[in-house]
N, C-alpha and C. Protein backbone atom coordinates (compact mmCIF):
# COMPACT_ATOMS: atom_id res chain seq x y z
N MET A 1 19.80 -9.75 2.07
CA MET A 1 20.50 -9.38 3.29
C MET A 1 19.73 -9.89 4.49
N ILE A 2 20.42 -10.42 5.49
CA ILE A 2 19.81 -10.86 6.72
C ILE A 2 20.37 -10.03 7.86
N GLU A 3 19.50 -9.31 8.54
CA GLU A 3 19.94 -8.52 9.69
C GLU A 3 19.90 -9.42 10.93
N THR A 4 21.01 -9.56 11.61
CA THR A 4 21.11 -10.51 12.70
C THR A 4 20.83 -9.85 14.05
N VAL A 5 20.33 -10.64 14.97
CA VAL A 5 20.10 -10.21 16.34
C VAL A 5 20.76 -11.25 17.23
N THR A 6 21.61 -10.82 18.15
CA THR A 6 22.39 -11.76 18.94
C THR A 6 21.74 -12.13 20.26
N THR A 7 20.73 -11.36 20.68
CA THR A 7 20.07 -11.64 21.96
C THR A 7 19.33 -12.97 21.87
N SER A 8 19.31 -13.70 22.99
CA SER A 8 18.61 -14.97 23.04
C SER A 8 17.12 -14.75 23.23
N PHE A 9 16.31 -15.61 22.61
CA PHE A 9 14.86 -15.57 22.73
C PHE A 9 14.34 -16.98 22.94
N ARG A 10 13.19 -17.06 23.57
CA ARG A 10 12.57 -18.36 23.79
C ARG A 10 11.76 -18.82 22.59
N ALA A 11 11.31 -17.87 21.76
CA ALA A 11 10.46 -18.22 20.63
C ALA A 11 10.77 -17.35 19.43
N TRP A 12 10.68 -17.96 18.26
CA TRP A 12 10.78 -17.24 16.99
C TRP A 12 9.42 -17.31 16.32
N LEU A 13 8.90 -16.16 15.91
CA LEU A 13 7.64 -16.06 15.19
C LEU A 13 7.98 -15.64 13.76
N VAL A 14 7.75 -16.51 12.81
CA VAL A 14 8.32 -16.37 11.47
C VAL A 14 7.23 -16.15 10.42
N ASP A 15 7.44 -15.17 9.57
CA ASP A 15 6.59 -14.93 8.40
C ASP A 15 6.94 -15.96 7.33
N LEU A 16 6.08 -16.11 6.32
CA LEU A 16 6.33 -17.08 5.26
C LEU A 16 6.71 -16.41 3.94
N ASP A 17 5.76 -15.74 3.31
CA ASP A 17 5.99 -15.22 1.95
C ASP A 17 7.04 -14.13 1.94
N GLY A 18 8.08 -14.34 1.15
CA GLY A 18 9.19 -13.39 1.07
C GLY A 18 10.21 -13.59 2.17
N THR A 19 9.93 -14.46 3.12
CA THR A 19 10.83 -14.71 4.24
C THR A 19 11.46 -16.08 4.16
N LEU A 20 10.67 -17.11 3.97
CA LEU A 20 11.21 -18.47 3.89
C LEU A 20 11.69 -18.83 2.49
N TYR A 21 11.42 -17.98 1.53
CA TYR A 21 11.93 -18.20 0.17
C TYR A 21 12.28 -16.85 -0.45
N HIS A 22 13.12 -16.90 -1.49
CA HIS A 22 13.51 -15.69 -2.22
C HIS A 22 12.36 -15.30 -3.14
N PRO A 23 11.73 -14.15 -2.92
CA PRO A 23 10.50 -13.84 -3.66
C PRO A 23 10.71 -13.48 -5.14
N LEU A 24 11.79 -12.81 -5.49
CA LEU A 24 11.94 -12.32 -6.87
C LEU A 24 11.95 -13.45 -7.90
N PRO A 25 12.77 -14.49 -7.74
CA PRO A 25 12.75 -15.55 -8.75
C PRO A 25 11.41 -16.29 -8.80
N VAL A 26 10.73 -16.41 -7.67
CA VAL A 26 9.42 -17.06 -7.67
C VAL A 26 8.42 -16.21 -8.44
N ARG A 27 8.43 -14.91 -8.18
CA ARG A 27 7.51 -14.02 -8.91
C ARG A 27 7.80 -14.02 -10.40
N THR A 28 9.08 -14.03 -10.75
CA THR A 28 9.46 -14.04 -12.16
C THR A 28 8.98 -15.31 -12.84
N ALA A 29 9.19 -16.45 -12.21
CA ALA A 29 8.75 -17.72 -12.77
C ALA A 29 7.24 -17.75 -12.93
N MET A 30 6.52 -17.25 -11.93
CA MET A 30 5.07 -17.25 -12.01
C MET A 30 4.56 -16.25 -13.05
N ALA A 31 5.29 -15.16 -13.26
CA ALA A 31 4.89 -14.20 -14.29
C ALA A 31 4.95 -14.84 -15.67
N PHE A 32 6.02 -15.61 -15.93
CA PHE A 32 6.13 -16.33 -17.21
C PHE A 32 5.01 -17.36 -17.34
N GLU A 33 4.71 -18.05 -16.25
CA GLU A 33 3.67 -19.06 -16.29
C GLU A 33 2.31 -18.44 -16.54
N LEU A 34 2.06 -17.31 -15.91
CA LEU A 34 0.80 -16.60 -16.14
C LEU A 34 0.70 -16.13 -17.58
N ALA A 35 1.80 -15.60 -18.11
CA ALA A 35 1.79 -15.11 -19.49
C ALA A 35 1.54 -16.25 -20.48
N ALA A 36 2.05 -17.43 -20.14
CA ALA A 36 1.94 -18.56 -21.06
C ALA A 36 0.56 -19.21 -21.03
N SER A 37 -0.02 -19.34 -19.85
CA SER A 37 -1.26 -20.11 -19.79
C SER A 37 -2.28 -19.58 -18.78
N GLY A 38 -2.03 -18.41 -18.20
CA GLY A 38 -2.96 -17.93 -17.19
C GLY A 38 -3.40 -16.50 -17.37
N ALA A 39 -3.35 -16.00 -18.61
CA ALA A 39 -3.69 -14.60 -18.85
C ALA A 39 -5.10 -14.25 -18.36
N ARG A 40 -6.02 -15.21 -18.43
CA ARG A 40 -7.41 -14.95 -18.04
C ARG A 40 -7.56 -14.65 -16.55
N VAL A 41 -6.60 -15.12 -15.74
CA VAL A 41 -6.74 -14.92 -14.30
C VAL A 41 -5.91 -13.74 -13.79
N VAL A 42 -5.14 -13.10 -14.66
CA VAL A 42 -4.30 -11.98 -14.23
C VAL A 42 -5.12 -10.89 -13.54
N PRO A 43 -6.28 -10.48 -14.09
CA PRO A 43 -7.08 -9.45 -13.39
C PRO A 43 -7.50 -9.89 -11.98
N VAL A 44 -7.78 -11.18 -11.81
CA VAL A 44 -8.18 -11.68 -10.50
C VAL A 44 -7.02 -11.58 -9.51
N ILE A 45 -5.84 -12.00 -9.94
CA ILE A 45 -4.67 -11.97 -9.06
C ILE A 45 -4.32 -10.54 -8.68
N ARG A 46 -4.35 -9.64 -9.65
CA ARG A 46 -4.04 -8.24 -9.37
C ARG A 46 -5.05 -7.65 -8.39
N ALA A 47 -6.33 -7.90 -8.62
CA ALA A 47 -7.36 -7.35 -7.75
C ALA A 47 -7.26 -7.95 -6.35
N PHE A 48 -6.95 -9.23 -6.26
CA PHE A 48 -6.84 -9.88 -4.95
C PHE A 48 -5.68 -9.29 -4.15
N ARG A 49 -4.55 -9.06 -4.83
CA ARG A 49 -3.40 -8.45 -4.14
C ARG A 49 -3.73 -7.03 -3.70
N ARG A 50 -4.44 -6.31 -4.53
CA ARG A 50 -4.84 -4.95 -4.16
C ARG A 50 -5.73 -4.98 -2.92
N GLN A 51 -6.67 -5.89 -2.89
CA GLN A 51 -7.58 -5.99 -1.75
C GLN A 51 -6.84 -6.41 -0.49
N HIS A 52 -5.76 -7.16 -0.64
CA HIS A 52 -4.97 -7.57 0.52
C HIS A 52 -4.49 -6.35 1.30
N GLU A 53 -4.01 -5.35 0.57
CA GLU A 53 -3.53 -4.14 1.23
C GLU A 53 -4.69 -3.33 1.81
N LEU A 54 -5.81 -3.30 1.10
CA LEU A 54 -6.96 -2.54 1.59
C LEU A 54 -7.58 -3.18 2.83
N VAL A 55 -7.50 -4.50 2.92
CA VAL A 55 -8.08 -5.19 4.08
C VAL A 55 -7.31 -4.86 5.35
N ARG A 56 -6.07 -4.44 5.23
CA ARG A 56 -5.33 -4.01 6.42
C ARG A 56 -6.07 -2.86 7.10
N ASP A 57 -6.62 -1.95 6.32
CA ASP A 57 -7.40 -0.84 6.88
C ASP A 57 -8.71 -1.33 7.47
N ALA A 58 -9.29 -2.36 6.86
CA ALA A 58 -10.53 -2.91 7.40
C ALA A 58 -10.30 -3.49 8.79
N ALA A 59 -9.13 -4.07 8.99
CA ALA A 59 -8.80 -4.60 10.32
C ALA A 59 -8.75 -3.47 11.34
N ARG A 60 -8.20 -2.33 10.94
CA ARG A 60 -8.15 -1.18 11.85
C ARG A 60 -9.57 -0.73 12.21
N VAL A 61 -10.46 -0.73 11.23
CA VAL A 61 -11.85 -0.33 11.50
C VAL A 61 -12.48 -1.26 12.53
N ARG A 62 -12.21 -2.57 12.42
CA ARG A 62 -12.78 -3.51 13.38
C ARG A 62 -12.21 -3.29 14.77
N ARG A 63 -10.92 -2.94 14.86
CA ARG A 63 -10.32 -2.69 16.17
C ARG A 63 -10.97 -1.49 16.84
N GLU A 64 -11.32 -0.49 16.03
CA GLU A 64 -11.92 0.72 16.58
C GLU A 64 -13.41 0.54 16.86
N ASN A 65 -13.98 -0.56 16.35
CA ASN A 65 -15.39 -0.86 16.59
C ASN A 65 -15.50 -2.30 17.07
N PRO A 66 -15.16 -2.56 18.32
CA PRO A 66 -15.07 -3.94 18.81
C PRO A 66 -16.37 -4.72 18.76
N ARG A 67 -17.50 -4.04 18.58
CA ARG A 67 -18.77 -4.76 18.51
C ARG A 67 -18.97 -5.44 17.16
N LEU A 68 -18.16 -5.09 16.15
CA LEU A 68 -18.27 -5.73 14.85
C LEU A 68 -17.84 -7.19 14.95
N GLU A 69 -18.50 -8.04 14.19
CA GLU A 69 -18.20 -9.47 14.21
C GLU A 69 -16.83 -9.72 13.58
N PRO A 70 -15.95 -10.51 14.25
CA PRO A 70 -14.64 -10.84 13.65
C PRO A 70 -14.84 -11.57 12.31
N THR A 71 -14.00 -11.23 11.36
CA THR A 71 -14.10 -11.80 10.02
C THR A 71 -12.74 -12.28 9.56
N SER A 72 -12.70 -13.39 8.82
CA SER A 72 -11.46 -13.84 8.22
C SER A 72 -11.02 -12.84 7.16
N PRO A 73 -9.83 -12.26 7.29
CA PRO A 73 -9.36 -11.33 6.27
C PRO A 73 -9.31 -11.98 4.88
N TYR A 74 -8.98 -13.26 4.84
CA TYR A 74 -8.89 -13.97 3.57
C TYR A 74 -10.26 -14.01 2.88
N GLU A 75 -11.30 -14.35 3.64
CA GLU A 75 -12.64 -14.40 3.06
C GLU A 75 -13.10 -13.00 2.64
N LEU A 76 -12.71 -11.99 3.42
CA LEU A 76 -13.05 -10.62 3.07
C LEU A 76 -12.38 -10.22 1.76
N GLN A 77 -11.13 -10.63 1.57
CA GLN A 77 -10.42 -10.36 0.31
C GLN A 77 -11.15 -10.99 -0.86
N LEU A 78 -11.53 -12.25 -0.70
CA LEU A 78 -12.23 -12.96 -1.79
C LEU A 78 -13.54 -12.26 -2.13
N ASP A 79 -14.30 -11.89 -1.09
CA ASP A 79 -15.59 -11.22 -1.32
C ASP A 79 -15.40 -9.89 -2.05
N ARG A 80 -14.43 -9.10 -1.61
CA ARG A 80 -14.21 -7.79 -2.21
C ARG A 80 -13.69 -7.91 -3.64
N THR A 81 -12.82 -8.89 -3.86
CA THR A 81 -12.30 -9.09 -5.22
C THR A 81 -13.43 -9.46 -6.16
N ALA A 82 -14.30 -10.37 -5.73
CA ALA A 82 -15.43 -10.78 -6.55
C ALA A 82 -16.35 -9.60 -6.84
N GLU A 83 -16.56 -8.77 -5.84
CA GLU A 83 -17.44 -7.60 -6.02
C GLU A 83 -16.85 -6.61 -7.01
N VAL A 84 -15.56 -6.33 -6.89
CA VAL A 84 -14.89 -5.37 -7.77
C VAL A 84 -14.92 -5.86 -9.23
N LEU A 85 -14.73 -7.16 -9.43
CA LEU A 85 -14.65 -7.71 -10.79
C LEU A 85 -15.99 -8.16 -11.33
N GLY A 86 -17.03 -8.14 -10.50
CA GLY A 86 -18.33 -8.60 -10.95
C GLY A 86 -18.36 -10.09 -11.20
N ARG A 87 -17.63 -10.84 -10.38
CA ARG A 87 -17.56 -12.30 -10.53
C ARG A 87 -18.09 -12.96 -9.27
N ASP A 88 -18.31 -14.27 -9.36
CA ASP A 88 -18.77 -14.99 -8.19
C ASP A 88 -17.57 -15.41 -7.34
N VAL A 89 -17.79 -15.52 -6.04
CA VAL A 89 -16.71 -15.83 -5.10
C VAL A 89 -16.05 -17.18 -5.40
N PRO A 90 -16.81 -18.26 -5.70
CA PRO A 90 -16.15 -19.54 -5.97
C PRO A 90 -15.14 -19.49 -7.11
N SER A 91 -15.44 -18.76 -8.18
CA SER A 91 -14.50 -18.69 -9.30
C SER A 91 -13.24 -17.91 -8.91
N VAL A 92 -13.42 -16.85 -8.09
CA VAL A 92 -12.26 -16.10 -7.60
C VAL A 92 -11.42 -16.99 -6.70
N ARG A 93 -12.06 -17.74 -5.82
CA ARG A 93 -11.34 -18.63 -4.92
C ARG A 93 -10.52 -19.66 -5.69
N ARG A 94 -11.12 -20.26 -6.72
CA ARG A 94 -10.41 -21.26 -7.53
C ARG A 94 -9.17 -20.66 -8.18
N ALA A 95 -9.30 -19.46 -8.74
CA ALA A 95 -8.17 -18.81 -9.40
C ALA A 95 -7.06 -18.49 -8.41
N VAL A 96 -7.42 -17.96 -7.25
CA VAL A 96 -6.43 -17.61 -6.24
C VAL A 96 -5.73 -18.85 -5.72
N GLU A 97 -6.49 -19.89 -5.42
CA GLU A 97 -5.88 -21.10 -4.88
C GLU A 97 -4.95 -21.77 -5.89
N GLU A 98 -5.36 -21.78 -7.15
CA GLU A 98 -4.52 -22.41 -8.17
C GLU A 98 -3.23 -21.63 -8.42
N TRP A 99 -3.38 -20.31 -8.61
CA TRP A 99 -2.25 -19.51 -9.09
C TRP A 99 -1.42 -18.86 -7.99
N MET A 100 -1.97 -18.77 -6.79
CA MET A 100 -1.20 -18.15 -5.70
C MET A 100 -0.79 -19.15 -4.61
N LEU A 101 -1.49 -20.28 -4.53
CA LEU A 101 -1.19 -21.23 -3.48
C LEU A 101 -0.62 -22.55 -4.00
N GLU A 102 -1.15 -23.05 -5.11
CA GLU A 102 -0.74 -24.37 -5.60
C GLU A 102 0.41 -24.32 -6.61
N ARG A 103 0.22 -23.59 -7.69
CA ARG A 103 1.23 -23.58 -8.75
C ARG A 103 2.61 -23.07 -8.30
N PRO A 104 2.69 -22.09 -7.39
CA PRO A 104 4.03 -21.63 -6.97
C PRO A 104 4.82 -22.67 -6.20
N GLY A 105 4.18 -23.76 -5.75
CA GLY A 105 4.85 -24.72 -4.89
C GLY A 105 6.15 -25.26 -5.44
N LYS A 106 6.17 -25.58 -6.72
CA LYS A 106 7.39 -26.15 -7.32
C LYS A 106 8.54 -25.17 -7.32
N TRP A 107 8.23 -23.88 -7.37
CA TRP A 107 9.27 -22.85 -7.36
C TRP A 107 9.71 -22.52 -5.93
N LEU A 108 8.80 -22.63 -4.97
CA LEU A 108 9.15 -22.31 -3.59
C LEU A 108 10.29 -23.18 -3.09
N ARG A 109 10.20 -24.48 -3.34
CA ARG A 109 11.24 -25.38 -2.86
C ARG A 109 12.58 -25.08 -3.54
N MET A 110 12.53 -24.73 -4.82
CA MET A 110 13.75 -24.45 -5.56
C MET A 110 14.45 -23.20 -5.01
N PHE A 111 13.67 -22.21 -4.58
CA PHE A 111 14.24 -20.93 -4.16
C PHE A 111 14.07 -20.67 -2.66
N ARG A 112 13.96 -21.73 -1.87
CA ARG A 112 13.82 -21.55 -0.42
C ARG A 112 15.11 -20.98 0.17
N ARG A 113 14.97 -20.28 1.28
CA ARG A 113 16.15 -19.73 1.97
C ARG A 113 16.74 -20.82 2.85
N ARG A 114 17.67 -21.54 2.31
CA ARG A 114 18.20 -22.72 2.99
C ARG A 114 18.90 -22.36 4.30
N SER A 115 19.64 -21.25 4.31
CA SER A 115 20.37 -20.88 5.52
C SER A 115 19.41 -20.54 6.65
N LEU A 116 18.33 -19.83 6.34
CA LEU A 116 17.36 -19.48 7.37
C LEU A 116 16.65 -20.72 7.89
N LEU A 117 16.28 -21.62 6.99
CA LEU A 117 15.62 -22.85 7.41
C LEU A 117 16.54 -23.67 8.32
N ARG A 118 17.83 -23.68 8.03
CA ARG A 118 18.78 -24.38 8.91
C ARG A 118 18.85 -23.70 10.28
N GLU A 119 18.83 -22.37 10.28
CA GLU A 119 18.85 -21.64 11.56
C GLU A 119 17.65 -22.00 12.41
N ILE A 120 16.48 -22.06 11.78
CA ILE A 120 15.27 -22.40 12.52
C ILE A 120 15.38 -23.82 13.09
N GLU A 121 15.92 -24.72 12.28
CA GLU A 121 16.10 -26.10 12.74
C GLU A 121 17.04 -26.17 13.94
N HIS A 122 18.14 -25.43 13.87
CA HIS A 122 19.10 -25.41 14.98
C HIS A 122 18.49 -24.77 16.23
N PHE A 123 17.70 -23.71 16.05
CA PHE A 123 17.05 -23.06 17.17
C PHE A 123 16.12 -24.04 17.88
N ARG A 124 15.36 -24.80 17.11
CA ARG A 124 14.47 -25.79 17.70
C ARG A 124 15.25 -26.88 18.42
N ALA A 125 16.38 -27.27 17.86
CA ALA A 125 17.20 -28.31 18.48
C ALA A 125 17.73 -27.87 19.84
N ARG A 126 17.88 -26.55 20.02
CA ARG A 126 18.35 -26.02 21.30
C ARG A 126 17.20 -25.78 22.28
N GLY A 127 15.99 -26.16 21.88
CA GLY A 127 14.85 -26.03 22.77
C GLY A 127 13.97 -24.84 22.51
N GLY A 128 14.24 -24.09 21.43
CA GLY A 128 13.42 -22.93 21.11
C GLY A 128 12.06 -23.32 20.55
N ALA A 129 11.06 -22.48 20.81
CA ALA A 129 9.72 -22.68 20.27
C ALA A 129 9.56 -21.85 19.00
N THR A 130 8.76 -22.35 18.07
CA THR A 130 8.60 -21.65 16.79
C THR A 130 7.13 -21.61 16.37
N ALA A 131 6.77 -20.50 15.74
CA ALA A 131 5.43 -20.35 15.17
C ALA A 131 5.56 -19.74 13.79
N LEU A 132 4.76 -20.20 12.86
CA LEU A 132 4.65 -19.60 11.54
C LEU A 132 3.42 -18.69 11.57
N VAL A 133 3.61 -17.41 11.29
CA VAL A 133 2.51 -16.44 11.33
C VAL A 133 2.43 -15.78 9.96
N SER A 134 1.37 -16.10 9.21
CA SER A 134 1.29 -15.68 7.82
C SER A 134 0.00 -14.94 7.52
N ASP A 135 0.09 -13.93 6.66
CA ASP A 135 -1.09 -13.20 6.20
C ASP A 135 -1.79 -13.90 5.05
N TYR A 136 -1.25 -15.04 4.60
CA TYR A 136 -1.85 -15.84 3.54
C TYR A 136 -1.95 -17.29 4.01
N PRO A 137 -2.78 -18.13 3.37
CA PRO A 137 -2.78 -19.55 3.70
C PRO A 137 -1.37 -20.12 3.58
N ALA A 138 -1.02 -21.03 4.50
CA ALA A 138 0.39 -21.42 4.61
C ALA A 138 0.66 -22.91 4.55
N PHE A 139 -0.30 -23.76 4.86
CA PHE A 139 0.00 -25.18 5.01
C PHE A 139 0.55 -25.81 3.73
N GLY A 140 -0.06 -25.50 2.59
CA GLY A 140 0.42 -26.05 1.32
C GLY A 140 1.81 -25.56 0.97
N LYS A 141 2.08 -24.29 1.23
CA LYS A 141 3.40 -23.73 0.93
C LYS A 141 4.46 -24.32 1.84
N LEU A 142 4.13 -24.51 3.12
CA LEU A 142 5.09 -25.14 4.03
C LEU A 142 5.44 -26.54 3.56
N LYS A 143 4.44 -27.27 3.12
CA LYS A 143 4.70 -28.62 2.60
C LYS A 143 5.59 -28.57 1.38
N ALA A 144 5.33 -27.63 0.47
CA ALA A 144 6.15 -27.48 -0.73
C ALA A 144 7.59 -27.13 -0.38
N LEU A 145 7.77 -26.33 0.67
CA LEU A 145 9.11 -25.94 1.12
C LEU A 145 9.81 -27.04 1.89
N GLY A 146 9.07 -28.08 2.28
CA GLY A 146 9.64 -29.12 3.12
C GLY A 146 9.93 -28.61 4.51
N ALA A 147 9.09 -27.68 5.00
CA ALA A 147 9.36 -27.00 6.27
C ALA A 147 8.26 -27.16 7.30
N SER A 148 7.29 -28.02 7.05
CA SER A 148 6.18 -28.17 7.98
C SER A 148 6.64 -28.57 9.37
N HIS A 149 7.70 -29.37 9.43
CA HIS A 149 8.18 -29.90 10.72
C HIS A 149 8.91 -28.86 11.56
N LEU A 150 9.16 -27.69 11.00
CA LEU A 150 9.95 -26.69 11.70
C LEU A 150 9.14 -25.79 12.63
N PHE A 151 7.82 -25.97 12.67
CA PHE A 151 6.98 -25.06 13.44
C PHE A 151 6.06 -25.80 14.38
N ASP A 152 6.05 -25.33 15.63
CA ASP A 152 5.15 -25.92 16.63
C ASP A 152 3.70 -25.58 16.34
N ILE A 153 3.45 -24.38 15.89
CA ILE A 153 2.10 -23.96 15.55
C ILE A 153 2.13 -23.13 14.27
N VAL A 154 1.00 -23.08 13.58
CA VAL A 154 0.86 -22.28 12.37
C VAL A 154 -0.40 -21.43 12.50
N LEU A 155 -0.24 -20.12 12.43
CA LEU A 155 -1.37 -19.20 12.39
C LEU A 155 -1.36 -18.55 11.01
N ALA A 156 -2.31 -18.94 10.17
CA ALA A 156 -2.31 -18.48 8.78
C ALA A 156 -3.68 -17.93 8.41
N ASN A 157 -3.69 -16.78 7.79
CA ASN A 157 -4.91 -16.15 7.30
C ASN A 157 -5.63 -17.11 6.35
N GLY A 158 -6.92 -17.34 6.61
CA GLY A 158 -7.70 -18.25 5.77
C GLY A 158 -7.68 -19.67 6.26
N GLU A 159 -6.81 -19.99 7.20
CA GLU A 159 -6.71 -21.36 7.70
C GLU A 159 -6.81 -21.45 9.23
N SER A 160 -6.62 -20.33 9.91
CA SER A 160 -6.63 -20.32 11.37
C SER A 160 -7.67 -19.31 11.87
N PRO A 161 -8.62 -19.75 12.69
CA PRO A 161 -9.63 -18.82 13.19
C PRO A 161 -9.05 -17.72 14.07
N ASP A 162 -7.82 -17.93 14.59
CA ASP A 162 -7.19 -16.91 15.43
C ASP A 162 -6.76 -15.69 14.62
N VAL A 163 -6.64 -15.82 13.30
CA VAL A 163 -6.20 -14.70 12.47
C VAL A 163 -7.43 -13.93 12.00
N THR A 164 -7.70 -12.82 12.66
CA THR A 164 -8.85 -11.98 12.30
C THR A 164 -8.40 -10.59 11.84
N ALA A 165 -7.10 -10.38 11.73
CA ALA A 165 -6.55 -9.11 11.26
C ALA A 165 -5.18 -9.35 10.67
N LEU A 166 -4.83 -8.56 9.69
CA LEU A 166 -3.53 -8.69 9.04
C LEU A 166 -2.49 -7.83 9.74
N LYS A 167 -1.22 -8.18 9.61
CA LYS A 167 -0.14 -7.32 10.06
C LYS A 167 -0.24 -5.99 9.29
N PRO A 168 0.03 -4.88 9.91
CA PRO A 168 0.78 -4.67 11.16
C PRO A 168 -0.03 -4.78 12.45
N ASP A 169 -1.28 -5.23 12.39
CA ASP A 169 -1.99 -5.50 13.62
C ASP A 169 -1.20 -6.57 14.38
N PRO A 170 -0.93 -6.38 15.67
CA PRO A 170 -0.11 -7.32 16.42
C PRO A 170 -0.87 -8.53 16.95
N ALA A 171 -2.18 -8.61 16.70
CA ALA A 171 -2.99 -9.65 17.33
C ALA A 171 -2.49 -11.05 17.02
N CYS A 172 -2.10 -11.31 15.76
CA CYS A 172 -1.67 -12.66 15.39
C CYS A 172 -0.36 -13.03 16.10
N LEU A 173 0.54 -12.06 16.27
CA LEU A 173 1.79 -12.33 16.97
C LEU A 173 1.53 -12.60 18.45
N LEU A 174 0.66 -11.81 19.05
CA LEU A 174 0.34 -12.00 20.46
C LEU A 174 -0.36 -13.34 20.68
N ALA A 175 -1.22 -13.73 19.74
CA ALA A 175 -1.90 -15.03 19.84
C ALA A 175 -0.89 -16.17 19.75
N ALA A 176 0.09 -16.01 18.85
CA ALA A 176 1.12 -17.05 18.71
C ALA A 176 1.94 -17.17 20.00
N ALA A 177 2.33 -16.05 20.58
CA ALA A 177 3.10 -16.08 21.82
C ALA A 177 2.30 -16.77 22.93
N ALA A 178 1.02 -16.45 23.02
CA ALA A 178 0.17 -17.05 24.05
C ALA A 178 0.07 -18.56 23.86
N LYS A 179 -0.09 -18.99 22.63
CA LYS A 179 -0.19 -20.43 22.36
C LYS A 179 1.12 -21.16 22.67
N LEU A 180 2.24 -20.48 22.49
CA LEU A 180 3.54 -21.08 22.79
C LEU A 180 3.88 -20.98 24.27
N GLY A 181 3.12 -20.19 25.01
CA GLY A 181 3.36 -20.03 26.44
C GLY A 181 4.57 -19.18 26.77
N VAL A 182 4.81 -18.14 25.94
CA VAL A 182 5.94 -17.25 26.19
C VAL A 182 5.45 -15.80 26.24
N ARG A 183 6.23 -14.93 26.87
CA ARG A 183 5.88 -13.51 26.96
C ARG A 183 6.32 -12.80 25.67
N PRO A 184 5.67 -11.72 25.31
CA PRO A 184 6.05 -10.99 24.09
C PRO A 184 7.52 -10.62 24.05
N GLU A 185 8.08 -10.19 25.18
CA GLU A 185 9.49 -9.77 25.20
C GLU A 185 10.45 -10.94 25.01
N GLU A 186 9.94 -12.16 25.05
CA GLU A 186 10.78 -13.35 24.84
C GLU A 186 10.73 -13.82 23.39
N CYS A 187 10.05 -13.04 22.52
CA CYS A 187 9.84 -13.45 21.13
C CYS A 187 10.68 -12.62 20.16
N LEU A 188 11.17 -13.27 19.13
CA LEU A 188 11.81 -12.62 18.00
C LEU A 188 10.94 -12.85 16.77
N VAL A 189 10.52 -11.77 16.13
CA VAL A 189 9.74 -11.85 14.90
C VAL A 189 10.70 -11.79 13.72
N ILE A 190 10.56 -12.70 12.78
CA ILE A 190 11.41 -12.75 11.59
C ILE A 190 10.52 -12.56 10.36
N GLY A 191 10.79 -11.52 9.58
CA GLY A 191 9.98 -11.25 8.41
C GLY A 191 10.69 -10.37 7.42
N ASP A 192 10.05 -10.12 6.27
CA ASP A 192 10.70 -9.37 5.20
C ASP A 192 10.18 -7.95 5.04
N ARG A 193 9.04 -7.61 5.68
CA ARG A 193 8.44 -6.30 5.47
C ARG A 193 8.47 -5.47 6.74
N LEU A 194 9.15 -4.34 6.67
CA LEU A 194 9.19 -3.43 7.83
C LEU A 194 7.81 -2.87 8.14
N ASP A 195 7.02 -2.59 7.10
CA ASP A 195 5.72 -1.96 7.30
C ASP A 195 4.66 -2.95 7.76
N ALA A 196 4.92 -4.24 7.69
CA ALA A 196 3.96 -5.25 8.13
C ALA A 196 4.53 -6.04 9.31
N ASP A 197 5.53 -6.89 9.04
CA ASP A 197 6.13 -7.71 10.09
C ASP A 197 6.81 -6.85 11.16
N GLY A 198 7.60 -5.87 10.71
CA GLY A 198 8.33 -5.02 11.65
C GLY A 198 7.40 -4.17 12.49
N ALA A 199 6.39 -3.57 11.85
CA ALA A 199 5.45 -2.73 12.59
C ALA A 199 4.62 -3.56 13.56
N ALA A 200 4.24 -4.78 13.16
CA ALA A 200 3.48 -5.65 14.05
C ALA A 200 4.32 -6.04 15.26
N ALA A 201 5.60 -6.35 15.02
CA ALA A 201 6.50 -6.71 16.12
C ALA A 201 6.63 -5.53 17.09
N HIS A 202 6.80 -4.33 16.56
CA HIS A 202 6.93 -3.15 17.41
C HIS A 202 5.67 -2.96 18.26
N ALA A 203 4.51 -3.11 17.63
CA ALA A 203 3.25 -2.94 18.36
C ALA A 203 3.06 -4.00 19.44
N ALA A 204 3.62 -5.20 19.18
CA ALA A 204 3.50 -6.29 20.16
C ALA A 204 4.61 -6.25 21.20
N LYS A 205 5.52 -5.26 21.06
CA LYS A 205 6.68 -5.15 21.96
C LYS A 205 7.59 -6.38 21.87
N MET A 206 7.81 -6.81 20.63
CA MET A 206 8.71 -7.92 20.33
C MET A 206 9.89 -7.44 19.51
N ALA A 207 11.00 -8.15 19.58
CA ALA A 207 12.16 -7.82 18.76
C ALA A 207 11.88 -8.24 17.31
N PHE A 208 12.60 -7.63 16.38
CA PHE A 208 12.37 -7.90 14.96
C PHE A 208 13.68 -8.13 14.22
N ARG A 209 13.68 -9.09 13.36
CA ARG A 209 14.81 -9.37 12.47
C ARG A 209 14.32 -9.37 11.04
N ARG A 210 14.91 -8.53 10.22
CA ARG A 210 14.45 -8.40 8.83
C ARG A 210 15.25 -9.30 7.90
N ILE A 211 14.51 -10.00 7.05
CA ILE A 211 15.09 -10.84 6.01
C ILE A 211 14.79 -10.17 4.66
N GLY A 212 15.78 -9.98 3.84
CA GLY A 212 15.48 -9.35 2.56
C GLY A 212 16.71 -8.98 1.80
């Protein structure tokens, strides 16, 4: 279901995972692939996803203690996953990059949300500005989706120094708006999670459109 918003905006700030592609068939395909040849990395993937949610709280702690050094949430996830599993960070990084960033690429293009991608293209053709704002690394997935050209800027956890906190922290959305040269009230956030994308949009005083 796509919830529509008819008000005009100068910029669209778009999430990636679960938003630019249909997540269920991709997850199903990857589950079969993991079962067939990746059983050894299943504990790593599960632990990494678990840490992703826990790192959201770590971002809150940093906001409440501004003297703490900003940290990449992605690197923090890798460090915590390695610590929990008693493994070294490089091996965790290799597993995550292979099974969460690289291998899903062939499925992303197959199950991309074509109608939404066309909407973004039309919005840009009318002069709208666009930003991709992701809680995960995004450049490889955008390339797999054939959507790299649809965004003026990309702020992605693990790839952009501007991302020092995960949604629902609004910092990444506000940074994207500033880079595009637009005010928060001129932005529409498009995402699939009310508790992350929607809450971040609300905190940033931006409109929200849910995809799901």
